[in-house]
Amino acid sequence: MTFRGATLFLEAPLHFGDLESVVFHGNLSVIAVRRPLDGPCVHLRMDGVVQPGAELRFANCDGGAMAVQGSLFIHGDVHIRNCSAGRGGCLG
């Protein structure tokens, strides 16, 4: 996924199902506008990669910022603001 300054305003969690991995390039802001969401803002069933030079930002995610069932490789920047989770923390 390549973004150049994109912003996602979520009213429901964003699920990436059976993709082998999700690779983030560029700049993406994820903001929950409905609080609380039913789970984390972003859910990856497999692996996730934040590429070098990429910026991934989360805000207002009351169910956690990101849940990853596989591995998460962060080579760029991940910013988490005003997020919380009942269990597992902001990244699980």
N, C-alpha and C. Protein backbone atom coordinates (compact mmCIF):
# COMPACT_ATOMS: atom_id res chain seq x y z
N MET A 1 0.85 -1.17 0.00
CA MET A 1 0.00 0.00 0.00
C MET A 1 0.89 1.23 0.00
N THR A 2 0.71 2.09 -0.97
CA THR A 2 1.50 3.30 -1.04
C THR A 2 0.58 4.51 -0.87
N PHE A 3 0.93 5.36 0.08
CA PHE A 3 0.15 6.56 0.36
C PHE A 3 1.09 7.75 0.38
N ARG A 4 0.62 8.87 -0.11
CA ARG A 4 1.39 10.11 -0.05
C ARG A 4 0.54 11.15 0.67
N GLY A 5 0.58 11.09 2.00
CA GLY A 5 -0.16 12.07 2.78
C GLY A 5 -1.65 11.76 2.90
N ALA A 6 -2.04 10.50 2.82
CA ALA A 6 -3.45 10.11 2.91
C ALA A 6 -3.89 10.02 4.38
N THR A 7 -5.19 10.28 4.60
CA THR A 7 -5.79 10.14 5.93
C THR A 7 -7.03 9.27 5.82
N LEU A 8 -7.10 8.24 6.66
CA LEU A 8 -8.29 7.38 6.75
C LEU A 8 -9.05 7.76 8.01
N PHE A 9 -10.33 8.09 7.86
CA PHE A 9 -11.19 8.37 8.99
C PHE A 9 -12.08 7.14 9.18
N LEU A 10 -11.87 6.41 10.27
CA LEU A 10 -12.54 5.12 10.46
C LEU A 10 -13.76 5.23 11.37
N GLU A 11 -14.85 4.62 10.92
CA GLU A 11 -16.02 4.43 11.76
C GLU A 11 -16.13 2.97 12.18
N ALA A 12 -15.30 2.12 11.60
CA ALA A 12 -15.22 0.69 11.92
C ALA A 12 -13.78 0.26 11.69
N PRO A 13 -13.34 -0.80 12.38
CA PRO A 13 -11.97 -1.28 12.19
C PRO A 13 -11.71 -1.70 10.75
N LEU A 14 -10.46 -1.52 10.33
CA LEU A 14 -10.02 -1.91 8.99
C LEU A 14 -9.33 -3.27 9.10
N HIS A 15 -9.88 -4.29 8.42
CA HIS A 15 -9.34 -5.66 8.49
C HIS A 15 -8.68 -6.03 7.17
N PHE A 16 -7.45 -6.55 7.28
CA PHE A 16 -6.76 -7.13 6.13
C PHE A 16 -6.78 -8.63 6.36
N GLY A 17 -7.60 -9.34 5.60
CA GLY A 17 -7.85 -10.75 5.82
C GLY A 17 -6.71 -11.67 5.47
N ASP A 18 -6.82 -12.37 4.38
CA ASP A 18 -5.89 -13.44 4.04
C ASP A 18 -4.70 -12.99 3.21
N LEU A 19 -4.38 -11.71 3.23
CA LEU A 19 -3.18 -11.25 2.53
C LEU A 19 -1.96 -11.82 3.23
N GLU A 20 -0.98 -12.26 2.46
CA GLU A 20 0.22 -12.85 3.05
C GLU A 20 0.96 -11.84 3.91
N SER A 21 1.04 -10.59 3.44
CA SER A 21 1.62 -9.52 4.24
C SER A 21 1.09 -8.20 3.71
N VAL A 22 1.11 -7.19 4.57
CA VAL A 22 0.72 -5.84 4.18
C VAL A 22 1.96 -4.97 4.36
N VAL A 23 2.35 -4.28 3.29
CA VAL A 23 3.54 -3.45 3.30
C VAL A 23 3.10 -1.99 3.15
N PHE A 24 3.48 -1.15 4.10
CA PHE A 24 3.12 0.26 4.08
C PHE A 24 4.28 1.09 3.55
N HIS A 25 4.00 1.93 2.53
CA HIS A 25 4.96 2.87 1.95
C HIS A 25 4.35 4.26 2.09
N GLY A 26 5.16 5.28 2.16
CA GLY A 26 4.65 6.66 2.17
C GLY A 26 4.13 7.07 3.53
N ASN A 27 3.16 7.99 3.54
CA ASN A 27 2.60 8.55 4.77
C ASN A 27 1.11 8.28 4.86
N LEU A 28 0.68 7.67 5.96
CA LEU A 28 -0.73 7.36 6.17
C LEU A 28 -1.09 7.70 7.60
N SER A 29 -2.18 8.46 7.77
CA SER A 29 -2.74 8.74 9.09
C SER A 29 -4.06 7.99 9.21
N VAL A 30 -4.24 7.30 10.33
CA VAL A 30 -5.47 6.55 10.61
C VAL A 30 -6.10 7.18 11.85
N ILE A 31 -7.32 7.71 11.70
CA ILE A 31 -7.99 8.40 12.80
C ILE A 31 -9.36 7.77 13.01
N ALA A 32 -9.61 7.31 14.23
CA ALA A 32 -10.93 6.77 14.57
C ALA A 32 -11.86 7.94 14.86
N VAL A 33 -12.97 8.02 14.11
CA VAL A 33 -13.92 9.10 14.34
C VAL A 33 -15.12 8.62 15.16
N ARG A 34 -15.29 7.31 15.26
CA ARG A 34 -16.32 6.75 16.14
C ARG A 34 -15.59 6.08 17.28
N ARG A 35 -15.92 6.46 18.50
CA ARG A 35 -15.20 5.93 19.66
C ARG A 35 -16.19 5.34 20.64
N PRO A 36 -15.93 4.16 21.18
CA PRO A 36 -14.82 3.29 20.79
C PRO A 36 -15.17 2.45 19.56
N LEU A 37 -14.15 2.06 18.83
CA LEU A 37 -14.34 1.11 17.73
C LEU A 37 -14.48 -0.28 18.32
N ASP A 38 -15.01 -1.20 17.55
CA ASP A 38 -15.13 -2.58 17.99
C ASP A 38 -13.84 -3.31 17.67
N GLY A 39 -12.76 -2.98 18.38
CA GLY A 39 -11.45 -3.58 18.16
C GLY A 39 -10.44 -2.53 17.76
N PRO A 40 -9.24 -2.98 17.38
CA PRO A 40 -8.20 -2.04 16.99
C PRO A 40 -8.53 -1.35 15.66
N CYS A 41 -7.91 -0.20 15.42
CA CYS A 41 -8.15 0.52 14.16
C CYS A 41 -7.79 -0.34 12.96
N VAL A 42 -6.64 -1.02 13.01
CA VAL A 42 -6.18 -1.86 11.90
C VAL A 42 -5.89 -3.26 12.42
N HIS A 43 -6.38 -4.26 11.72
CA HIS A 43 -6.15 -5.66 12.09
C HIS A 43 -5.51 -6.38 10.92
N LEU A 44 -4.31 -6.92 11.14
CA LEU A 44 -3.60 -7.69 10.12
C LEU A 44 -3.62 -9.16 10.52
N ARG A 45 -4.17 -9.99 9.65
CA ARG A 45 -4.22 -11.41 9.97
C ARG A 45 -2.86 -12.08 9.80
N MET A 46 -2.00 -11.50 8.98
CA MET A 46 -0.67 -12.06 8.75
C MET A 46 0.39 -11.05 9.17
N ASP A 47 1.43 -10.86 8.36
CA ASP A 47 2.55 -9.97 8.69
C ASP A 47 2.31 -8.55 8.20
N GLY A 48 3.01 -7.61 8.85
CA GLY A 48 2.98 -6.22 8.42
C GLY A 48 4.39 -5.67 8.36
N VAL A 49 4.63 -4.77 7.39
CA VAL A 49 5.94 -4.14 7.23
C VAL A 49 5.72 -2.64 7.03
N VAL A 50 6.41 -1.84 7.83
CA VAL A 50 6.45 -0.39 7.63
C VAL A 50 7.82 -0.11 7.01
N GLN A 51 7.83 0.26 5.73
CA GLN A 51 9.07 0.42 4.98
C GLN A 51 9.89 1.62 5.46
N PRO A 52 11.21 1.62 5.19
CA PRO A 52 12.03 2.78 5.51
C PRO A 52 11.47 4.04 4.84
N GLY A 53 11.43 5.12 5.57
CA GLY A 53 10.90 6.37 5.06
C GLY A 53 9.39 6.51 5.17
N ALA A 54 8.69 5.41 5.51
CA ALA A 54 7.24 5.46 5.66
C ALA A 54 6.88 6.01 7.04
N GLU A 55 5.73 6.69 7.12
CA GLU A 55 5.19 7.17 8.39
C GLU A 55 3.76 6.68 8.51
N LEU A 56 3.49 5.95 9.58
CA LEU A 56 2.18 5.42 9.87
C LEU A 56 1.73 6.03 11.19
N ARG A 57 0.62 6.78 11.18
CA ARG A 57 0.15 7.49 12.36
C ARG A 57 -1.24 7.01 12.75
N PHE A 58 -1.43 6.82 14.06
CA PHE A 58 -2.72 6.41 14.60
C PHE A 58 -3.18 7.44 15.62
N ALA A 59 -4.48 7.75 15.64
CA ALA A 59 -5.04 8.65 16.63
C ALA A 59 -6.44 8.21 17.01
N ASN A 60 -6.77 8.33 18.30
CA ASN A 60 -8.11 8.09 18.85
C ASN A 60 -8.58 6.65 18.73
N CYS A 61 -7.67 5.70 18.67
CA CYS A 61 -8.02 4.28 18.54
C CYS A 61 -8.22 3.69 19.94
N ASP A 62 -9.46 3.68 20.42
CA ASP A 62 -9.74 3.19 21.77
C ASP A 62 -9.73 1.68 21.89
N GLY A 63 -9.67 0.96 20.79
CA GLY A 63 -9.56 -0.49 20.84
C GLY A 63 -8.14 -0.95 20.53
N GLY A 64 -7.20 -0.02 20.55
CA GLY A 64 -5.81 -0.29 20.18
C GLY A 64 -5.54 0.24 18.77
N ALA A 65 -4.29 0.52 18.48
CA ALA A 65 -3.94 1.06 17.16
C ALA A 65 -3.91 -0.04 16.11
N MET A 66 -3.20 -1.13 16.40
CA MET A 66 -3.01 -2.18 15.40
C MET A 66 -2.87 -3.53 16.08
N ALA A 67 -3.57 -4.52 15.57
CA ALA A 67 -3.40 -5.90 16.02
C ALA A 67 -2.80 -6.68 14.86
N VAL A 68 -1.71 -7.40 15.13
CA VAL A 68 -1.01 -8.16 14.10
C VAL A 68 -0.90 -9.60 14.57
N GLN A 69 -1.47 -10.53 13.82
CA GLN A 69 -1.40 -11.93 14.21
C GLN A 69 -0.08 -12.56 13.79
N GLY A 70 0.59 -11.99 12.81
CA GLY A 70 1.89 -12.48 12.38
C GLY A 70 2.98 -11.64 13.01
N SER A 71 3.96 -11.27 12.21
CA SER A 71 5.08 -10.43 12.67
C SER A 71 4.90 -9.02 12.14
N LEU A 72 5.40 -8.05 12.92
CA LEU A 72 5.38 -6.66 12.49
C LEU A 72 6.81 -6.16 12.41
N PHE A 73 7.22 -5.73 11.23
CA PHE A 73 8.57 -5.21 11.01
C PHE A 73 8.47 -3.71 10.78
N ILE A 74 9.09 -2.92 11.66
CA ILE A 74 9.02 -1.47 11.56
C ILE A 74 10.39 -0.94 11.18
N HIS A 75 10.51 -0.46 9.94
CA HIS A 75 11.75 0.13 9.46
C HIS A 75 11.59 1.63 9.28
N GLY A 76 10.36 2.11 9.32
CA GLY A 76 10.05 3.54 9.20
C GLY A 76 9.59 4.06 10.55
N ASP A 77 8.64 4.98 10.55
CA ASP A 77 8.14 5.60 11.77
C ASP A 77 6.69 5.21 12.02
N VAL A 78 6.37 4.90 13.27
CA VAL A 78 5.00 4.65 13.70
C VAL A 78 4.73 5.58 14.87
N HIS A 79 3.66 6.39 14.75
CA HIS A 79 3.29 7.34 15.79
C HIS A 79 1.91 6.96 16.31
N ILE A 80 1.77 6.88 17.62
CA ILE A 80 0.50 6.51 18.24
C ILE A 80 0.13 7.59 19.25
N ARG A 81 -1.07 8.20 19.06
CA ARG A 81 -1.52 9.27 19.95
C ARG A 81 -2.95 9.00 20.40
N ASN A 82 -3.18 9.21 21.66
CA ASN A 82 -4.52 9.13 22.24
C ASN A 82 -5.20 7.79 21.91
N CYS A 83 -4.44 6.70 22.01
CA CYS A 83 -4.98 5.36 21.75
C CYS A 83 -4.89 4.54 23.04
N SER A 84 -5.80 3.61 23.21
CA SER A 84 -5.76 2.72 24.38
C SER A 84 -6.43 1.41 24.01
N ALA A 85 -6.21 0.41 24.84
CA ALA A 85 -6.83 -0.90 24.62
C ALA A 85 -7.09 -1.56 25.97
N GLY A 86 -8.14 -2.34 26.04
CA GLY A 86 -8.47 -3.04 27.27
C GLY A 86 -7.46 -4.12 27.61
N ARG A 87 -6.85 -4.73 26.57
CA ARG A 87 -5.80 -5.72 26.77
C ARG A 87 -4.88 -5.68 25.57
N GLY A 88 -3.64 -6.03 25.78
CA GLY A 88 -2.68 -6.10 24.68
C GLY A 88 -1.98 -4.79 24.36
N GLY A 89 -2.42 -3.69 24.91
CA GLY A 89 -1.77 -2.41 24.64
C GLY A 89 -2.21 -1.82 23.31
N CYS A 90 -1.47 -0.84 22.83
CA CYS A 90 -1.83 -0.16 21.58
C CYS A 90 -1.42 -0.96 20.36
N LEU A 91 -0.35 -1.73 20.47
CA LEU A 91 0.05 -2.64 19.40
C LEU A 91 0.01 -4.05 19.96
N GLY A 92 -0.73 -4.92 19.34
CA GLY A 92 -0.83 -6.28 19.86
C GLY A 92 -0.56 -7.30 18.81
